[in-house]
Amino acid sequence: DRIARTAVGLRALGIAVEEQPDGMVIQGGQPHGPATVDGAGDHRLVMAFAVAGAATPGGVVLDGADEVATSYPAFPDTLAALGAGVERP
């Protein structure tokens, strides 16, 4: 369930979120880290949380970061070129 996994990841970053049957309500807040987020085997979640990690003090460690190879193998290089990186556990 991608909605549930996204909500879990956002909460790991300290973001208030309420799951709905067809989405979520994000209350917002400042992300905090360091945080570990599980990509749950979903390349889209890995990329989303990698981008969120770039704005998170202390950064984000992504479980399953290798999943990005499914759709964007150069994603870690692109992120690094922007001054952010993907840390693998």
N, C-alpha and C. Protein backbone atom coordinates (compact mmCIF):
# COMPACT_ATOMS: atom_id res chain seq x y z
N ASP A 1 0.86 -1.17 0.00
CA ASP A 1 0.00 0.00 0.00
C ASP A 1 0.91 1.24 0.00
N ARG A 2 1.00 1.89 -1.13
CA ARG A 2 1.91 3.04 -1.28
C ARG A 2 1.50 4.21 -0.39
N ILE A 3 0.22 4.42 -0.17
CA ILE A 3 -0.22 5.51 0.70
C ILE A 3 0.29 5.27 2.12
N ALA A 4 0.12 4.07 2.62
CA ALA A 4 0.57 3.74 3.97
C ALA A 4 2.07 3.86 4.09
N ARG A 5 2.83 3.36 3.10
CA ARG A 5 4.29 3.43 3.14
C ARG A 5 4.78 4.87 3.07
N THR A 6 4.09 5.70 2.29
CA THR A 6 4.46 7.12 2.22
C THR A 6 4.21 7.79 3.57
N ALA A 7 3.08 7.48 4.18
CA ALA A 7 2.76 8.06 5.49
C ALA A 7 3.78 7.63 6.53
N VAL A 8 4.20 6.38 6.52
CA VAL A 8 5.20 5.90 7.47
C VAL A 8 6.51 6.66 7.27
N GLY A 9 6.91 6.83 6.02
CA GLY A 9 8.14 7.56 5.72
C GLY A 9 8.08 9.01 6.15
N LEU A 10 6.96 9.65 5.89
CA LEU A 10 6.81 11.05 6.30
C LEU A 10 6.86 11.18 7.82
N ARG A 11 6.22 10.25 8.51
CA ARG A 11 6.26 10.29 9.97
C ARG A 11 7.68 10.10 10.49
N ALA A 12 8.46 9.25 9.81
CA ALA A 12 9.85 9.05 10.21
C ALA A 12 10.64 10.35 10.12
N LEU A 13 10.21 11.23 9.22
CA LEU A 13 10.85 12.54 9.06
C LEU A 13 10.25 13.59 9.99
N GLY A 14 9.28 13.19 10.80
CA GLY A 14 8.66 14.12 11.74
C GLY A 14 7.53 14.94 11.16
N ILE A 15 7.00 14.50 10.04
CA ILE A 15 5.90 15.22 9.38
C ILE A 15 4.58 14.61 9.83
N ALA A 16 3.65 15.45 10.23
CA ALA A 16 2.32 14.99 10.65
C ALA A 16 1.50 14.67 9.41
N VAL A 17 0.98 13.46 9.37
CA VAL A 17 0.19 13.02 8.22
C VAL A 17 -0.94 12.12 8.69
N GLU A 18 -2.09 12.27 8.05
CA GLU A 18 -3.26 11.46 8.37
C GLU A 18 -3.67 10.70 7.12
N GLU A 19 -3.67 9.39 7.20
CA GLU A 19 -4.05 8.58 6.05
C GLU A 19 -5.55 8.64 5.82
N GLN A 20 -5.92 8.65 4.57
CA GLN A 20 -7.31 8.61 4.13
C GLN A 20 -7.45 7.37 3.24
N PRO A 21 -8.66 6.92 2.97
CA PRO A 21 -8.83 5.73 2.11
C PRO A 21 -8.22 5.91 0.71
N ASP A 22 -8.23 7.12 0.21
CA ASP A 22 -7.76 7.35 -1.16
C ASP A 22 -6.63 8.37 -1.23
N GLY A 23 -5.95 8.61 -0.12
CA GLY A 23 -4.87 9.60 -0.11
C GLY A 23 -4.42 9.89 1.31
N MET A 24 -3.97 11.10 1.51
CA MET A 24 -3.53 11.50 2.85
C MET A 24 -3.65 13.00 3.00
N VAL A 25 -3.75 13.43 4.23
CA VAL A 25 -3.73 14.85 4.57
C VAL A 25 -2.40 15.08 5.29
N ILE A 26 -1.58 15.93 4.71
CA ILE A 26 -0.28 16.22 5.28
C ILE A 26 -0.37 17.54 6.02
N GLN A 27 -0.14 17.48 7.33
CA GLN A 27 -0.22 18.68 8.16
C GLN A 27 1.02 19.55 7.97
N GLY A 28 2.10 18.91 7.57
CA GLY A 28 3.32 19.66 7.32
C GLY A 28 4.23 19.71 8.53
N GLY A 29 5.18 20.59 8.46
CA GLY A 29 6.17 20.72 9.51
C GLY A 29 7.56 20.65 8.90
N GLN A 30 8.54 20.86 9.71
CA GLN A 30 9.92 20.80 9.27
C GLN A 30 10.41 19.36 9.42
N PRO A 31 10.98 18.80 8.37
CA PRO A 31 11.52 17.46 8.52
C PRO A 31 12.73 17.47 9.45
N HIS A 32 12.95 16.38 10.14
CA HIS A 32 14.12 16.27 11.00
C HIS A 32 14.82 14.95 10.73
N GLY A 33 16.07 14.94 11.01
CA GLY A 33 16.86 13.74 10.79
C GLY A 33 17.96 13.69 11.81
N PRO A 34 18.82 12.76 11.72
CA PRO A 34 18.79 11.77 10.65
C PRO A 34 17.61 10.83 10.84
N ALA A 35 17.14 10.31 9.74
CA ALA A 35 16.02 9.39 9.75
C ALA A 35 16.33 8.23 8.81
N THR A 36 15.78 7.09 9.11
CA THR A 36 15.87 5.93 8.22
C THR A 36 14.49 5.67 7.67
N VAL A 37 14.41 5.57 6.34
CA VAL A 37 13.13 5.36 5.68
C VAL A 37 13.25 4.11 4.81
N ASP A 38 12.24 3.27 4.86
CA ASP A 38 12.21 2.05 4.07
C ASP A 38 11.49 2.33 2.76
N GLY A 39 12.19 2.13 1.65
CA GLY A 39 11.59 2.34 0.33
C GLY A 39 10.58 1.27 -0.04
N ALA A 40 10.45 0.23 0.78
CA ALA A 40 9.46 -0.83 0.62
C ALA A 40 9.52 -1.47 -0.77
N GLY A 41 10.70 -1.50 -1.35
CA GLY A 41 10.85 -2.13 -2.66
C GLY A 41 10.24 -1.35 -3.80
N ASP A 42 9.91 -0.09 -3.57
CA ASP A 42 9.24 0.75 -4.58
C ASP A 42 10.17 1.88 -4.99
N HIS A 43 10.61 1.85 -6.24
CA HIS A 43 11.54 2.87 -6.74
C HIS A 43 10.99 4.27 -6.64
N ARG A 44 9.68 4.44 -6.75
CA ARG A 44 9.08 5.77 -6.64
C ARG A 44 9.20 6.32 -5.23
N LEU A 45 8.98 5.46 -4.24
CA LEU A 45 9.13 5.90 -2.85
C LEU A 45 10.58 6.22 -2.54
N VAL A 46 11.50 5.41 -3.03
CA VAL A 46 12.92 5.67 -2.80
C VAL A 46 13.30 7.03 -3.34
N MET A 47 12.88 7.33 -4.57
CA MET A 47 13.23 8.63 -5.16
C MET A 47 12.57 9.78 -4.41
N ALA A 48 11.33 9.62 -4.02
CA ALA A 48 10.64 10.68 -3.28
C ALA A 48 11.34 10.97 -1.96
N PHE A 49 11.72 9.93 -1.23
CA PHE A 49 12.36 10.15 0.07
C PHE A 49 13.81 10.57 -0.08
N ALA A 50 14.44 10.24 -1.17
CA ALA A 50 15.79 10.75 -1.42
C ALA A 50 15.74 12.26 -1.62
N VAL A 51 14.75 12.73 -2.35
CA VAL A 51 14.58 14.18 -2.55
C VAL A 51 14.23 14.84 -1.21
N ALA A 52 13.34 14.23 -0.45
CA ALA A 52 13.00 14.78 0.87
C ALA A 52 14.24 14.81 1.77
N GLY A 53 15.09 13.82 1.64
CA GLY A 53 16.31 13.76 2.44
C GLY A 53 17.25 14.91 2.16
N ALA A 54 17.20 15.42 0.94
CA ALA A 54 18.05 16.57 0.60
C ALA A 54 17.68 17.80 1.40
N ALA A 55 16.44 17.86 1.87
CA ALA A 55 15.96 19.01 2.64
C ALA A 55 15.85 18.70 4.13
N THR A 56 16.34 17.53 4.53
CA THR A 56 16.21 17.10 5.91
C THR A 56 17.53 17.27 6.65
N PRO A 57 17.55 18.11 7.69
CA PRO A 57 18.78 18.23 8.48
C PRO A 57 19.19 16.86 9.02
N GLY A 58 20.42 16.49 8.80
CA GLY A 58 20.89 15.18 9.23
C GLY A 58 20.72 14.12 8.18
N GLY A 59 19.92 14.39 7.15
CA GLY A 59 19.76 13.49 6.02
C GLY A 59 18.88 12.29 6.30
N VAL A 60 18.79 11.46 5.28
CA VAL A 60 17.95 10.27 5.31
C VAL A 60 18.77 9.09 4.83
N VAL A 61 18.66 7.99 5.54
CA VAL A 61 19.22 6.73 5.10
C VAL A 61 18.06 5.95 4.50
N LEU A 62 18.25 5.47 3.27
CA LEU A 62 17.17 4.79 2.56
C LEU A 62 17.44 3.30 2.48
N ASP A 63 16.57 2.52 3.10
CA ASP A 63 16.60 1.07 2.90
C ASP A 63 15.99 0.80 1.53
N GLY A 64 16.67 0.02 0.73
CA GLY A 64 16.15 -0.31 -0.60
C GLY A 64 16.49 0.71 -1.65
N ALA A 65 17.54 1.51 -1.43
CA ALA A 65 17.88 2.57 -2.37
C ALA A 65 18.23 2.04 -3.76
N ASP A 66 18.67 0.80 -3.85
CA ASP A 66 19.02 0.24 -5.15
C ASP A 66 17.82 0.07 -6.07
N GLU A 67 16.62 0.18 -5.54
CA GLU A 67 15.41 0.02 -6.34
C GLU A 67 15.28 1.08 -7.44
N VAL A 68 15.97 2.23 -7.29
CA VAL A 68 15.85 3.27 -8.31
C VAL A 68 16.31 2.80 -9.67
N ALA A 69 17.14 1.77 -9.71
CA ALA A 69 17.62 1.24 -10.99
C ALA A 69 16.47 0.75 -11.86
N THR A 70 15.32 0.48 -11.26
CA THR A 70 14.15 0.03 -12.02
C THR A 70 13.73 1.04 -13.06
N SER A 71 13.76 2.32 -12.71
CA SER A 71 13.26 3.33 -13.63
C SER A 71 14.25 4.46 -13.94
N TYR A 72 15.28 4.63 -13.09
CA TYR A 72 16.18 5.77 -13.27
C TYR A 72 17.55 5.41 -12.70
N PRO A 73 18.29 4.57 -13.40
CA PRO A 73 19.57 4.10 -12.87
C PRO A 73 20.55 5.22 -12.53
N ALA A 74 20.48 6.35 -13.20
CA ALA A 74 21.39 7.47 -12.95
C ALA A 74 20.90 8.39 -11.84
N PHE A 75 19.82 8.04 -11.17
CA PHE A 75 19.24 8.91 -10.15
C PHE A 75 20.25 9.31 -9.06
N PRO A 76 21.02 8.37 -8.48
CA PRO A 76 21.99 8.79 -7.45
C PRO A 76 23.01 9.79 -7.99
N ASP A 77 23.45 9.62 -9.23
CA ASP A 77 24.39 10.56 -9.83
C ASP A 77 23.75 11.93 -10.05
N THR A 78 22.51 11.92 -10.50
CA THR A 78 21.79 13.18 -10.71
C THR A 78 21.61 13.91 -9.39
N LEU A 79 21.23 13.18 -8.36
CA LEU A 79 21.05 13.79 -7.04
C LEU A 79 22.36 14.35 -6.53
N ALA A 80 23.44 13.60 -6.71
CA ALA A 80 24.76 14.07 -6.27
C ALA A 80 25.16 15.34 -7.02
N ALA A 81 24.83 15.42 -8.31
CA ALA A 81 25.16 16.61 -9.09
C ALA A 81 24.42 17.83 -8.57
N LEU A 82 23.29 17.60 -7.92
CA LEU A 82 22.51 18.69 -7.33
C LEU A 82 22.96 19.01 -5.91
N GLY A 83 23.95 18.29 -5.42
CA GLY A 83 24.48 18.55 -4.09
C GLY A 83 23.88 17.70 -3.00
N ALA A 84 23.13 16.69 -3.38
CA ALA A 84 22.51 15.79 -2.40
C ALA A 84 22.99 14.38 -2.71
N GLY A 85 22.75 13.49 -1.84
CA GLY A 85 23.19 12.13 -2.07
C GLY A 85 22.25 11.12 -1.47
N VAL A 86 22.40 9.90 -1.88
CA VAL A 86 21.61 8.80 -1.34
C VAL A 86 22.55 7.95 -0.50
N GLU A 87 22.25 7.87 0.78
CA GLU A 87 23.06 7.02 1.66
C GLU A 87 22.36 5.69 1.82
N ARG A 88 23.14 4.64 1.64
CA ARG A 88 22.59 3.29 1.79
C ARG A 88 23.03 2.73 3.14
N PRO A 89 22.16 1.99 3.80
CA PRO A 89 22.55 1.41 5.10
C PRO A 89 23.61 0.34 4.93
